[in-house]
Amino acid sequence: STGVIYRQFSITIVSAMVLSVFVALVLTPALCATLLKPGHGPVTRGFFGAFNRRFDAATHGYEGVVARMLRRWGRHLVVYGLIVVGMAWLFMRLPTSFLPEEDQGILFSQMQLPAGATQARTLDVVERVENHFLNNEKDNVASIFAVTGFSFAGRGENMALGFVKLKDWSERKSPAQKVQAIAGRAMGAFMQYRDASVFAFAPPAVLELGNASGFDVYLQDQAGVGREALVAARNQFLGMAAKDPTLVAVRPNGLQDAPQLRLDVDTAKAGALGLTVADINSLLSTAWGGSYVNDFIDRGRVKKVYLQADAAYRMQPDDLNSWRVRNASGQMVPFSAFGTATWELGSPRLERYNGLPALEVLGQPAPGKSSGAAMKSVEGIAAQLPPGVGMSWTGLSYQE
């Protein structure tokens, strides 16, 4: 991250170095030759004469003020102390921020439907989001490109991500046409969507340090409380953040628990039937996931051979009962003889941060609030979470 920040300011650093070298090698010798030329008396007339007289008067006046202050040093020391205290008070009360938000001419729109939603429902939400930007914001938006099955939160049929390209800055001169204003209006429209969570946000000032502007924090399981307790703490955090006036658009950045098919194998019964766990796993991985066999040459090109069950025989959970595993004696044993299948809710993606189970939360400061004020509010909310659940900053928030 340090290298990323240095790269952002590389032009400034190099320009300062080039200017310094130019002044030192070219201008300074010529200036010294001019100023140190012998036989040169003080100038008393013209512009430089007037400048010298005023400069001398200012110098004598400054010396007089310093002399009077030294005669009453105690009083002026008290005044100086009051100035220092006032500056410290102002420094503590001024809002802090790391990098200001910039209008980079692009906008992100992240869409997430309930777990298990079909791609058709996701496409319907994508179409509504596209219509909003292309119709309601046609004076500000040049185009939008949206993809389904992927977002910054993860992958799945219920996920989508839109990349909104804004028109040139010369066509968006009004404050109401800036990226923050466009995102704010979009959020107001997307809040009416009851079947999906849709967020519009600007990219961070440094794209390599996160996916969105605002703050980025991980809630961590620091005491082994378990995933259910961590999710409950995350939901408590979101509830308190929704009531905080300094925070807006606080959202989880991850996949919701989704229905999963759990397979339970009775190893004792499988062993009695002459089966091993490796035999069972080989059948399941080959039939449902596919298995690489070998390569063959077709018209001068090397192609791969994969073995997998036909789609019609791996569509439903009941299809498991149609499959059989060959045991040590060569007999075919049905899956129902040693295994059962049940539905349950589980996370499609387990996240860790700094080696600990974690859940990511994103958000933004409210209009008129700085990122430092938002981060202070987040720390206050995190302090109210149950014991064993902590927090760690990441992205731009970590740098700040």
Protein backbone atom coordinates (compact mmCIF):
# COMPACT_ATOMS: atom_id res chain seq x y z
CA SER A 1 0.00 0.00 0.00
CA THR A 2 2.90 2.35 0.66
CA GLY A 3 4.14 1.86 -2.89
CA VAL A 4 0.66 2.60 -4.24
CA ILE A 5 0.54 5.91 -2.40
CA TYR A 6 4.04 6.86 -3.57
CA ARG A 7 3.04 6.06 -7.15
CA GLN A 8 0.04 8.38 -6.86
CA PHE A 9 2.32 11.25 -5.86
CA SER A 10 5.22 10.28 -8.13
CA ILE A 11 4.60 13.15 -10.57
CA THR A 12 4.66 15.68 -7.74
CA ILE A 13 7.83 14.21 -6.24
CA VAL A 14 9.67 14.00 -9.56
CA SER A 15 8.60 17.54 -10.55
CA ALA A 16 9.90 18.94 -7.27
CA MET A 17 13.21 17.13 -7.72
CA VAL A 18 13.62 18.34 -11.33
CA LEU A 19 12.84 21.93 -10.33
CA SER A 20 15.29 21.77 -7.43
CA VAL A 21 18.06 20.40 -9.66
CA PHE A 22 17.36 23.05 -12.31
CA VAL A 23 17.52 25.89 -9.78
CA ALA A 24 20.69 24.51 -8.16
CA LEU A 25 22.60 23.95 -11.41
CA VAL A 26 21.38 26.80 -13.62
CA LEU A 27 19.82 29.69 -11.71
CA THR A 28 21.80 29.67 -8.47
CA PRO A 29 25.28 30.23 -10.03
CA ALA A 30 23.97 33.06 -12.20
CA LEU A 31 22.19 34.65 -9.23
CA CYS A 32 25.31 34.41 -7.07
CA ALA A 33 27.42 36.04 -9.79
CA THR A 34 24.95 38.92 -9.97
CA LEU A 35 24.54 39.50 -6.23
CA LEU A 36 28.20 39.08 -5.31
CA LYS A 37 29.60 41.37 -8.05
CA PRO A 38 32.28 43.71 -6.50
CA GLY A 39 32.14 47.51 -6.65
CA HIS A 40 28.45 47.63 -5.94
CA GLY A 41 27.13 50.24 -3.50
CA PRO A 42 23.66 50.53 -1.95
CA VAL A 43 20.92 51.64 -4.34
CA THR A 44 19.17 54.84 -3.18
CA ARG A 45 17.01 55.75 -6.13
CA GLY A 46 14.33 54.13 -8.21
CA PHE A 47 12.29 51.08 -7.36
CA PHE A 48 15.07 49.24 -5.55
CA GLY A 49 15.92 52.31 -3.48
CA ALA A 50 12.31 52.60 -2.30
CA PHE A 51 12.24 48.87 -1.59
CA ASN A 52 15.43 49.09 0.51
CA ARG A 53 14.08 52.02 2.56
CA ARG A 54 10.82 50.23 3.32
CA PHE A 55 12.63 47.01 4.11
CA ASP A 56 14.99 48.81 6.52
CA ALA A 57 12.02 50.53 8.19
CA ALA A 58 10.28 47.19 8.64
CA THR A 59 13.46 45.69 10.08
CA HIS A 60 13.87 48.50 12.63
CA GLY A 61 10.20 48.26 13.57
CA TYR A 62 10.48 44.51 14.12
CA GLU A 63 13.56 45.01 16.30
CA GLY A 64 11.68 47.56 18.38
CA VAL A 65 8.72 45.23 18.92
CA VAL A 66 11.02 42.38 19.98
CA ALA A 67 12.86 44.68 22.42
CA ARG A 68 9.58 45.79 24.05
CA MET A 69 8.40 42.17 24.34
CA LEU A 70 11.63 41.16 26.04
CA ARG A 71 11.15 43.88 28.66
CA ARG A 72 7.71 42.41 29.52
CA TRP A 73 8.42 38.76 28.70
CA GLY A 74 6.09 37.33 31.36
CA ARG A 75 2.96 38.94 29.93
CA HIS A 76 3.79 37.90 26.37
CA LEU A 77 4.64 34.38 27.49
CA VAL A 78 1.12 34.07 28.90
CA VAL A 79 -0.31 35.32 25.59
CA TYR A 80 1.79 32.77 23.70
CA GLY A 81 0.58 30.01 26.01
CA LEU A 82 -3.05 30.99 25.36
CA ILE A 83 -2.39 30.89 21.61
CA VAL A 84 -0.90 27.37 21.92
CA VAL A 85 -3.89 26.17 23.97
CA GLY A 86 -6.30 27.68 21.44
CA MET A 87 -4.51 26.01 18.54
CA ALA A 88 -4.54 22.66 20.34
CA TRP A 89 -8.28 23.03 21.03
CA LEU A 90 -8.96 23.82 17.38
CA PHE A 91 -6.76 20.93 16.24
CA MET A 92 -8.71 18.48 18.40
CA ARG A 93 -12.07 19.73 17.14
CA LEU A 94 -11.31 20.02 13.44
CA PRO A 95 -12.63 17.07 11.39
CA THR A 96 -9.99 14.76 9.96
CA SER A 97 -9.80 13.16 6.55
CA PHE A 98 -7.21 11.27 4.52
CA LEU A 99 -8.01 11.80 0.84
CA PRO A 100 -11.00 13.79 -0.44
CA GLU A 101 -13.50 12.14 -2.75
CA GLU A 102 -12.87 12.88 -6.40
CA ASP A 103 -15.14 12.95 -9.43
CA GLN A 104 -13.27 10.48 -11.64
CA GLY A 105 -16.04 10.25 -14.22
CA ILE A 106 -17.19 6.76 -13.22
CA LEU A 107 -19.68 5.30 -10.78
CA PHE A 108 -20.24 1.78 -9.46
CA SER A 109 -23.61 0.18 -8.80
CA GLN A 110 -23.63 -3.04 -6.78
CA MET A 111 -26.75 -5.23 -6.80
CA GLN A 112 -27.51 -8.14 -4.48
CA LEU A 113 -30.73 -10.15 -4.33
CA PRO A 114 -31.79 -12.60 -1.60
CA ALA A 115 -29.87 -15.86 -1.46
CA GLY A 116 -31.12 -18.38 -3.98
CA ALA A 117 -32.58 -15.79 -6.36
CA THR A 118 -32.49 -16.84 -9.99
CA GLN A 119 -30.57 -15.11 -12.74
CA ALA A 120 -33.86 -13.99 -14.31
CA ARG A 121 -34.70 -11.96 -11.19
CA THR A 122 -31.20 -10.52 -11.16
CA LEU A 123 -31.50 -9.46 -14.79
CA ASP A 124 -34.78 -7.72 -14.00
CA VAL A 125 -33.08 -5.62 -11.30
CA VAL A 126 -30.17 -4.88 -13.65
CA GLU A 127 -32.61 -3.62 -16.28
CA ARG A 128 -34.27 -1.27 -13.78
CA VAL A 129 -30.90 0.09 -12.67
CA GLU A 130 -29.87 0.66 -16.28
CA ASN A 131 -33.14 2.46 -17.02
CA HIS A 132 -32.61 4.77 -14.05
CA PHE A 133 -29.16 5.89 -15.19
CA LEU A 134 -29.95 6.05 -18.91
CA ASN A 135 -33.31 7.83 -18.52
CA ASN A 136 -33.39 9.73 -15.22
CA GLU A 137 -29.71 10.72 -15.48
CA LYS A 138 -29.43 10.97 -19.26
CA ASP A 139 -27.89 14.46 -19.03
CA ASN A 140 -25.04 13.13 -16.88
CA VAL A 141 -24.53 9.49 -17.89
CA ALA A 142 -22.83 8.47 -21.13
CA SER A 143 -23.23 4.69 -20.82
CA ILE A 144 -23.54 1.80 -18.39
CA PHE A 145 -22.08 -1.69 -18.53
CA ALA A 146 -23.50 -4.32 -16.16
CA VAL A 147 -22.52 -7.93 -15.48
CA THR A 148 -24.37 -10.62 -13.55
CA GLY A 149 -22.94 -13.36 -11.40
CA PHE A 150 -20.20 -11.14 -10.00
CA SER A 151 -19.76 -8.15 -7.70
CA PHE A 152 -17.29 -6.83 -5.16
CA ALA A 153 -19.16 -8.87 -2.53
CA GLY A 154 -18.69 -12.23 -4.27
CA ARG A 155 -20.02 -14.49 -6.98
CA GLY A 156 -23.48 -15.94 -7.46
CA GLU A 157 -26.61 -15.80 -9.57
CA ASN A 158 -28.04 -13.20 -7.20
CA MET A 159 -25.12 -10.77 -7.68
CA ALA A 160 -24.58 -8.06 -10.29
CA LEU A 161 -22.29 -5.09 -10.77
CA GLY A 162 -22.74 -2.02 -12.95
CA PHE A 163 -20.04 0.32 -14.26
CA VAL A 164 -21.52 3.74 -15.03
CA LYS A 165 -19.52 6.05 -17.28
CA LEU A 166 -20.39 9.70 -16.77
CA LYS A 167 -20.20 12.40 -19.40
CA ASP A 168 -17.17 14.66 -19.68
CA TRP A 169 -16.60 17.14 -16.87
CA SER A 170 -17.12 20.02 -19.31
CA GLU A 171 -20.74 18.90 -19.64
CA ARG A 172 -21.22 18.50 -15.87
CA LYS A 173 -20.36 21.87 -14.37
CA SER A 174 -23.22 22.17 -11.88
CA PRO A 175 -22.77 20.75 -8.33
CA ALA A 176 -25.91 18.69 -8.95
CA GLN A 177 -24.08 16.96 -11.80
CA LYS A 178 -21.11 15.78 -9.77
CA VAL A 179 -20.60 12.11 -9.03
CA GLN A 180 -21.59 12.43 -5.36
CA ALA A 181 -24.90 14.10 -6.26
CA ILE A 182 -25.64 11.49 -8.93
CA ALA A 183 -24.91 8.67 -6.48
CA GLY A 184 -27.15 10.30 -3.86
CA ARG A 185 -30.11 10.52 -6.23
CA ALA A 186 -29.51 6.94 -7.33
CA MET A 187 -29.54 5.73 -3.73
CA GLY A 188 -32.87 7.49 -3.19
CA ALA A 189 -34.34 5.65 -6.17
CA PHE A 190 -32.79 2.29 -5.28
CA MET A 191 -34.23 2.39 -1.77
CA GLN A 192 -37.64 1.76 -3.35
CA TYR A 193 -36.50 -1.65 -4.60
CA ARG A 194 -37.96 -4.20 -2.20
CA ASP A 195 -36.55 -7.29 -3.89
CA ALA A 196 -32.87 -6.29 -3.94
CA SER A 197 -30.19 -4.29 -2.16
CA VAL A 198 -28.72 -1.83 -4.65
CA PHE A 199 -25.99 0.67 -3.82
CA ALA A 200 -24.38 3.37 -5.94
CA PHE A 201 -20.97 4.69 -4.92
CA ALA A 202 -17.94 6.41 -6.34
CA PRO A 203 -14.59 4.63 -6.57
CA PRO A 204 -11.94 5.52 -4.00
CA ALA A 205 -9.41 8.23 -4.72
CA VAL A 206 -6.75 5.48 -4.99
CA LEU A 207 -8.26 2.54 -6.84
CA GLU A 208 -5.69 0.05 -5.53
CA LEU A 209 -6.76 0.74 -1.92
CA GLY A 210 -10.31 -0.62 -1.94
CA ASN A 211 -13.39 -0.79 -4.12
CA ALA A 212 -15.45 2.12 -2.82
CA SER A 213 -15.10 5.52 -1.22
CA GLY A 214 -15.94 5.93 2.45
CA PHE A 215 -14.79 3.58 5.22
CA ASP A 216 -13.91 -0.11 5.06
CA VAL A 217 -13.84 -2.23 8.22
CA TYR A 218 -13.74 -5.91 9.16
CA LEU A 219 -15.59 -7.27 12.18
CA GLN A 220 -13.46 -10.11 13.55
CA ASP A 221 -14.09 -13.15 15.70
CA GLN A 222 -11.24 -12.62 18.15
CA ALA A 223 -12.34 -15.17 20.77
CA GLY A 224 -13.77 -18.08 18.79
CA VAL A 225 -17.41 -17.12 19.34
CA GLY A 226 -18.47 -18.82 16.09
CA ARG A 227 -19.96 -17.71 12.81
CA GLU A 228 -23.55 -17.38 14.07
CA ALA A 229 -22.47 -15.03 16.87
CA LEU A 230 -20.31 -13.06 14.42
CA VAL A 231 -23.22 -12.65 11.99
CA ALA A 232 -25.47 -11.55 14.87
CA ALA A 233 -22.86 -8.97 15.91
CA ARG A 234 -22.64 -7.77 12.30
CA ASN A 235 -26.41 -7.32 12.16
CA GLN A 236 -26.33 -5.45 15.48
CA PHE A 237 -23.61 -3.21 14.08
CA LEU A 238 -25.69 -2.46 10.97
CA GLY A 239 -28.73 -1.65 13.10
CA MET A 240 -26.84 0.84 15.26
CA ALA A 241 -25.11 2.36 12.23
CA ALA A 242 -28.48 2.99 10.57
CA LYS A 243 -29.42 5.22 13.52
CA ASP A 244 -26.14 7.17 13.53
CA PRO A 245 -26.51 10.59 11.81
CA THR A 246 -22.86 10.64 10.73
CA LEU A 247 -23.09 7.43 8.67
CA VAL A 248 -24.94 6.57 5.45
CA ALA A 249 -25.05 3.60 3.07
CA VAL A 250 -23.62 1.22 5.68
CA ARG A 251 -23.82 -2.26 4.19
CA PRO A 252 -22.26 -5.71 4.47
CA ASN A 253 -19.86 -6.57 1.70
CA GLY A 254 -20.27 -10.31 1.45
CA LEU A 255 -22.54 -13.14 0.45
CA GLN A 256 -25.59 -14.04 2.51
CA ASP A 257 -26.10 -17.53 3.89
CA ALA A 258 -27.57 -19.63 1.09
CA PRO A 259 -29.30 -23.03 0.93
CA GLN A 260 -26.76 -25.83 0.74
CA LEU A 261 -27.16 -29.56 0.29
CA ARG A 262 -25.44 -31.42 3.11
CA LEU A 263 -24.35 -35.00 2.52
CA ASP A 264 -23.92 -37.23 5.57
CA VAL A 265 -22.09 -40.52 5.06
CA ASP A 266 -22.34 -43.29 7.65
CA THR A 267 -18.73 -44.43 7.54
CA ALA A 268 -19.41 -47.50 9.69
CA LYS A 269 -22.18 -48.71 7.39
CA ALA A 270 -20.10 -47.86 4.31
CA GLY A 271 -17.20 -49.90 5.70
CA ALA A 272 -19.50 -52.84 6.34
CA LEU A 273 -20.60 -52.65 2.70
CA GLY A 274 -16.98 -52.78 1.53
CA LEU A 275 -16.65 -49.09 0.68
CA THR A 276 -14.02 -46.53 1.61
CA VAL A 277 -14.43 -42.78 1.99
CA ALA A 278 -12.08 -42.30 -0.97
CA ASP A 279 -14.38 -44.38 -3.20
CA ILE A 280 -17.41 -42.29 -2.20
CA ASN A 281 -15.60 -38.97 -2.68
CA SER A 282 -14.33 -40.10 -6.07
CA LEU A 283 -17.87 -40.84 -7.24
CA LEU A 284 -19.28 -37.52 -6.01
CA SER A 285 -16.43 -35.39 -7.38
CA THR A 286 -16.50 -37.10 -10.76
CA ALA A 287 -20.28 -37.17 -11.22
CA TRP A 288 -20.98 -33.61 -10.06
CA GLY A 289 -17.71 -31.73 -10.48
CA GLY A 290 -16.03 -33.57 -13.32
CA SER A 291 -12.71 -35.36 -13.55
CA TYR A 292 -9.82 -34.93 -15.98
CA VAL A 293 -9.01 -38.11 -17.93
CA ASN A 294 -6.36 -37.39 -20.56
CA ASP A 295 -5.57 -35.48 -23.75
CA PHE A 296 -6.12 -36.35 -27.38
CA ILE A 297 -5.13 -34.79 -30.69
CA ASP A 298 -7.94 -33.52 -32.90
CA ARG A 299 -6.93 -32.06 -36.28
CA GLY A 300 -3.53 -31.09 -35.00
CA ARG A 301 -4.74 -29.53 -31.75
CA VAL A 302 -4.45 -31.02 -28.26
CA LYS A 303 -7.81 -31.25 -26.49
CA LYS A 304 -8.71 -32.44 -23.00
CA VAL A 305 -11.08 -35.23 -21.98
CA TYR A 306 -13.28 -34.78 -18.91
CA LEU A 307 -15.65 -37.30 -17.32
CA GLN A 308 -18.87 -36.00 -15.74
CA ALA A 309 -22.44 -37.14 -15.22
CA ASP A 310 -24.97 -36.06 -17.81
CA ALA A 311 -26.94 -32.97 -16.75
CA ALA A 312 -30.23 -34.89 -16.54
CA TYR A 313 -28.77 -37.17 -13.84
CA ARG A 314 -27.39 -34.46 -11.54
CA MET A 315 -30.19 -31.87 -11.48
CA GLN A 316 -32.13 -32.85 -8.33
CA PRO A 317 -31.08 -34.03 -4.86
CA ASP A 318 -33.00 -37.27 -5.45
CA ASP A 319 -30.63 -38.05 -8.32
CA LEU A 320 -28.08 -39.11 -5.69
CA ASN A 321 -30.10 -42.25 -5.05
CA SER A 322 -29.63 -43.26 -8.69
CA TRP A 323 -25.87 -43.47 -8.32
CA ARG A 324 -23.96 -46.52 -7.15
CA VAL A 325 -20.43 -47.05 -5.87
CA ARG A 326 -18.39 -50.15 -6.66
CA ASN A 327 -17.18 -51.85 -3.47
CA ALA A 328 -14.12 -54.01 -2.89
CA SER A 329 -15.89 -57.17 -4.12
CA GLY A 330 -17.06 -55.52 -7.34
CA GLN A 331 -20.70 -55.07 -6.33
CA MET A 332 -22.58 -51.80 -6.98
CA VAL A 333 -23.89 -50.21 -3.75
CA PRO A 334 -26.55 -47.46 -4.00
CA PHE A 335 -25.81 -44.14 -2.31
CA SER A 336 -29.02 -44.40 -0.26
CA ALA A 337 -27.59 -47.46 1.51
CA PHE A 338 -24.98 -45.44 3.40
CA GLY A 339 -25.72 -41.72 2.89
CA THR A 340 -28.43 -39.11 3.39
CA ALA A 341 -28.93 -35.61 2.01
CA THR A 342 -30.47 -32.67 3.89
CA TRP A 343 -30.87 -28.95 3.17
CA GLU A 344 -29.29 -26.33 5.43
CA LEU A 345 -28.22 -22.68 5.39
CA GLY A 346 -24.53 -21.94 5.13
CA SER A 347 -22.10 -19.33 3.91
CA PRO A 348 -20.91 -19.79 0.32
CA ARG A 349 -17.70 -17.93 1.21
CA LEU A 350 -15.78 -17.95 4.48
CA GLU A 351 -13.69 -14.80 4.98
CA ARG A 352 -10.67 -14.26 7.17
CA TYR A 353 -8.75 -11.08 7.89
CA ASN A 354 -5.39 -11.08 9.67
CA GLY A 355 -5.88 -14.80 10.27
CA LEU A 356 -9.26 -14.44 12.02
CA PRO A 357 -12.81 -15.16 10.80
CA ALA A 358 -14.21 -11.81 9.70
CA LEU A 359 -17.09 -10.05 7.95
CA GLU A 360 -16.54 -6.90 5.90
CA VAL A 361 -18.68 -3.78 6.28
CA LEU A 362 -18.60 -0.73 3.99
CA GLY A 363 -20.14 2.70 4.47
CA GLN A 364 -19.79 6.40 3.86
CA PRO A 365 -19.85 9.57 5.97
CA ALA A 366 -23.06 11.57 5.82
CA PRO A 367 -23.04 14.75 3.70
CA GLY A 368 -21.09 17.43 5.53
CA LYS A 369 -19.22 14.90 7.68
CA SER A 370 -15.59 13.91 7.27
CA SER A 371 -14.22 10.39 7.01
CA GLY A 372 -12.49 10.87 10.36
CA ALA A 373 -15.82 11.63 12.06
CA ALA A 374 -17.36 8.56 10.42
CA MET A 375 -14.50 6.34 11.57
CA LYS A 376 -14.84 7.66 15.11
CA SER A 377 -18.54 6.76 15.06
CA VAL A 378 -17.71 3.28 13.75
CA GLU A 379 -15.24 2.73 16.57
CA GLY A 380 -17.87 3.82 19.09
CA ILE A 381 -20.41 1.37 17.66
CA ALA A 382 -17.87 -1.47 17.55
CA ALA A 383 -17.10 -0.90 21.23
CA GLN A 384 -20.74 -1.79 22.04
CA LEU A 385 -20.59 -5.19 20.32
CA PRO A 386 -20.55 -8.40 22.39
CA PRO A 387 -17.25 -9.53 23.93
CA GLY A 388 -15.04 -11.48 21.57
CA VAL A 389 -15.96 -9.44 18.49
CA GLY A 390 -13.45 -6.77 17.47
CA MET A 391 -12.72 -4.66 14.42
CA SER A 392 -9.84 -3.88 12.07
CA TRP A 393 -9.57 -1.19 9.43
CA THR A 394 -8.58 -1.99 5.86
CA GLY A 395 -8.12 -0.17 2.55
CA LEU A 396 -8.06 3.63 2.66
CA SER A 397 -9.41 3.58 6.22
CA TYR A 398 -6.34 1.66 7.37
CA GLN A 399 -4.05 4.24 5.76
CA GLU A 400 -5.99 7.08 7.40
